[in-house]
């Protein structure tokens, strides 16, 4: 990796590990084969290093936006991961309920229902 690319990757990996947890990130990167490795590097550099590391929004706000977008687009697997990250970033269960209600109002009840189900599973896993 060139100097700027390495810096972007390192910054992204730091933020990614802080938000999603070192265990999850280590597992995701370690299990990536040659085909998936390119995507793992892209996500780390561009999503985490270039966007999440920007100073324009606090991490809590970025988490709230992610929850809404993932819920609205029906990405349950990613939503589960980002619910955990949102809790790390200070988003409360009550705030998540409000986000998913908003999704229901603008994207439909099925999207909200799935989001509430996923959140309930995550809360149970975490003993909340």
Protein backbone atom coordinates (compact mmCIF):
# COMPACT_ATOMS: atom_id res chain seq x y z
CA UNK A 1 0.00 0.00 0.00
CA UNK A 2 1.18 3.50 -0.76
CA UNK A 3 1.71 5.88 2.16
CA UNK A 4 -1.70 7.59 1.93
CA UNK A 5 -3.44 4.26 1.38
CA UNK A 6 -1.74 2.76 4.43
CA UNK A 7 -2.66 5.78 6.55
CA UNK A 8 -6.30 5.52 5.41
CA UNK A 9 -6.31 1.79 6.13
CA UNK A 10 -4.73 2.19 9.57
CA UNK A 11 -7.13 5.00 10.54
CA UNK A 12 -10.06 2.93 9.26
CA UNK A 13 -8.99 -0.18 11.14
CA UNK A 14 -8.66 1.81 14.36
CA UNK A 15 -12.17 3.26 14.06
CA UNK A 16 -13.66 -0.02 12.86
CA UNK A 17 -12.22 -1.91 15.85
CA UNK A 18 -13.39 0.79 18.29
CA UNK A 19 -16.96 0.75 16.97
CA UNK A 20 -17.55 -2.91 16.09
CA UNK A 21 -15.14 -4.50 18.54
CA UNK A 22 -11.74 -6.04 17.94
CA UNK A 23 -13.07 -9.61 18.07
CA UNK A 24 -15.60 -9.04 15.28
CA UNK A 25 -13.16 -7.13 13.07
CA UNK A 26 -10.36 -9.65 13.62
CA UNK A 27 -12.72 -12.50 12.68
CA UNK A 28 -13.99 -10.67 9.59
CA UNK A 29 -10.52 -9.87 8.31
CA UNK A 30 -8.99 -13.26 9.22
CA UNK A 31 -11.77 -15.21 7.51
CA UNK A 32 -11.53 -13.22 4.27
CA UNK A 33 -10.11 -15.30 1.45
CA UNK A 34 -8.22 -13.84 -1.52
CA UNK A 35 -11.53 -13.00 -3.23
CA UNK A 36 -12.98 -11.19 -0.20
CA UNK A 37 -9.74 -9.52 0.88
CA UNK A 38 -10.13 -6.74 -1.66
CA UNK A 39 -13.54 -5.87 -0.25
CA UNK A 40 -12.31 -5.97 3.36
CA UNK A 41 -9.55 -3.52 2.45
CA UNK A 42 -12.00 -1.28 0.57
CA UNK A 43 -14.46 -1.20 3.49
CA UNK A 44 -11.70 -0.47 5.98
CA UNK A 45 -10.22 2.35 3.91
CA UNK A 46 -13.30 3.98 2.44
CA UNK A 47 -16.15 3.36 4.88
CA UNK A 48 -14.16 3.47 8.11
CA UNK A 49 -11.03 5.47 7.26
CA UNK A 50 -12.51 8.04 4.89
CA UNK A 51 -16.07 8.42 6.22
CA UNK A 52 -16.36 7.23 9.83
CA UNK A 53 -13.09 8.96 10.77
CA UNK A 54 -14.27 12.35 9.50
CA UNK A 55 -14.81 14.99 12.19
CA UNK A 56 -18.12 16.32 10.76
CA UNK A 57 -20.45 14.07 12.78
CA UNK A 58 -20.05 12.37 16.13
CA UNK A 59 -19.94 8.58 16.10
CA UNK A 60 -23.31 8.38 17.85
CA UNK A 61 -24.91 10.30 14.99
CA UNK A 62 -23.16 8.15 12.38
CA UNK A 63 -24.45 5.05 14.19
CA UNK A 64 -27.99 6.42 14.22
CA UNK A 65 -27.80 7.11 10.49
CA UNK A 66 -26.46 3.62 9.83
CA UNK A 67 -29.28 2.04 11.84
CA UNK A 68 -31.88 3.95 9.82
CA UNK A 69 -30.29 3.15 6.47
CA UNK A 70 -29.71 -0.52 7.22
CA UNK A 71 -33.23 -0.90 8.59
CA UNK A 72 -34.73 0.90 5.59
CA UNK A 73 -32.86 -1.29 3.13
CA UNK A 74 -33.56 -4.56 4.94
CA UNK A 75 -29.95 -5.43 5.70
CA UNK A 76 -30.65 -7.48 8.85
CA UNK A 77 -27.19 -9.05 9.13
CA UNK A 78 -25.41 -5.71 8.95
CA UNK A 79 -28.06 -4.13 11.17
CA UNK A 80 -27.25 -6.65 13.89
CA UNK A 81 -23.57 -5.73 13.78
CA UNK A 82 -24.31 -2.01 13.77
CA UNK A 83 -26.78 -2.25 16.66
CA UNK A 84 -23.88 -3.52 18.76
CA UNK A 85 -21.71 -0.71 17.45
CA UNK A 86 -24.43 1.85 18.12
CA UNK A 87 -24.65 0.71 21.74
CA UNK A 88 -20.87 1.17 21.96
CA UNK A 89 -21.31 4.67 20.54
CA UNK A 90 -23.93 5.62 23.13
CA UNK A 91 -27.18 5.06 21.23
CA UNK A 92 -29.81 3.92 23.73
CA UNK A 93 -32.46 1.28 23.22
CA UNK A 94 -35.11 4.00 23.43
CA UNK A 95 -33.36 5.97 20.69
CA UNK A 96 -33.19 2.83 18.54
CA UNK A 97 -36.91 2.32 18.98
CA UNK A 98 -37.50 5.88 17.77
CA UNK A 99 -35.22 5.30 14.76
CA UNK A 100 -37.09 2.13 13.81
CA UNK A 101 -40.46 3.84 14.24
CA UNK A 102 -39.25 6.56 11.89
CA UNK A 103 -38.21 3.86 9.42
CA UNK A 104 -41.69 2.39 9.72
CA UNK A 105 -43.31 5.72 8.94
CA UNK A 106 -41.22 6.37 5.84
CA UNK A 107 -40.18 2.91 4.62
CA UNK A 108 -42.97 0.68 5.82
CA UNK A 109 -44.00 -1.49 8.72
CA UNK A 110 -42.18 -4.64 7.49
CA UNK A 111 -38.83 -2.81 7.58
CA UNK A 112 -39.53 -1.54 11.09
CA UNK A 113 -40.79 -4.92 12.29
CA UNK A 114 -37.64 -6.69 11.07
CA UNK A 115 -35.49 -4.04 12.74
CA UNK A 116 -37.25 -4.42 16.08
CA UNK A 117 -36.83 -8.22 15.84
CA UNK A 118 -33.12 -7.94 15.10
CA UNK A 119 -32.62 -5.44 17.93
CA UNK A 120 -34.48 -7.68 20.37
CA UNK A 121 -32.17 -10.58 19.43
CA UNK A 122 -29.08 -8.42 19.95
CA UNK A 123 -30.33 -7.14 23.30
CA UNK A 124 -31.00 -10.72 24.43
CA UNK A 125 -27.50 -11.81 23.35
CA UNK A 126 -26.03 -8.93 25.34
CA UNK A 127 -28.25 -9.55 28.38
CA UNK A 128 -30.06 -6.20 28.14
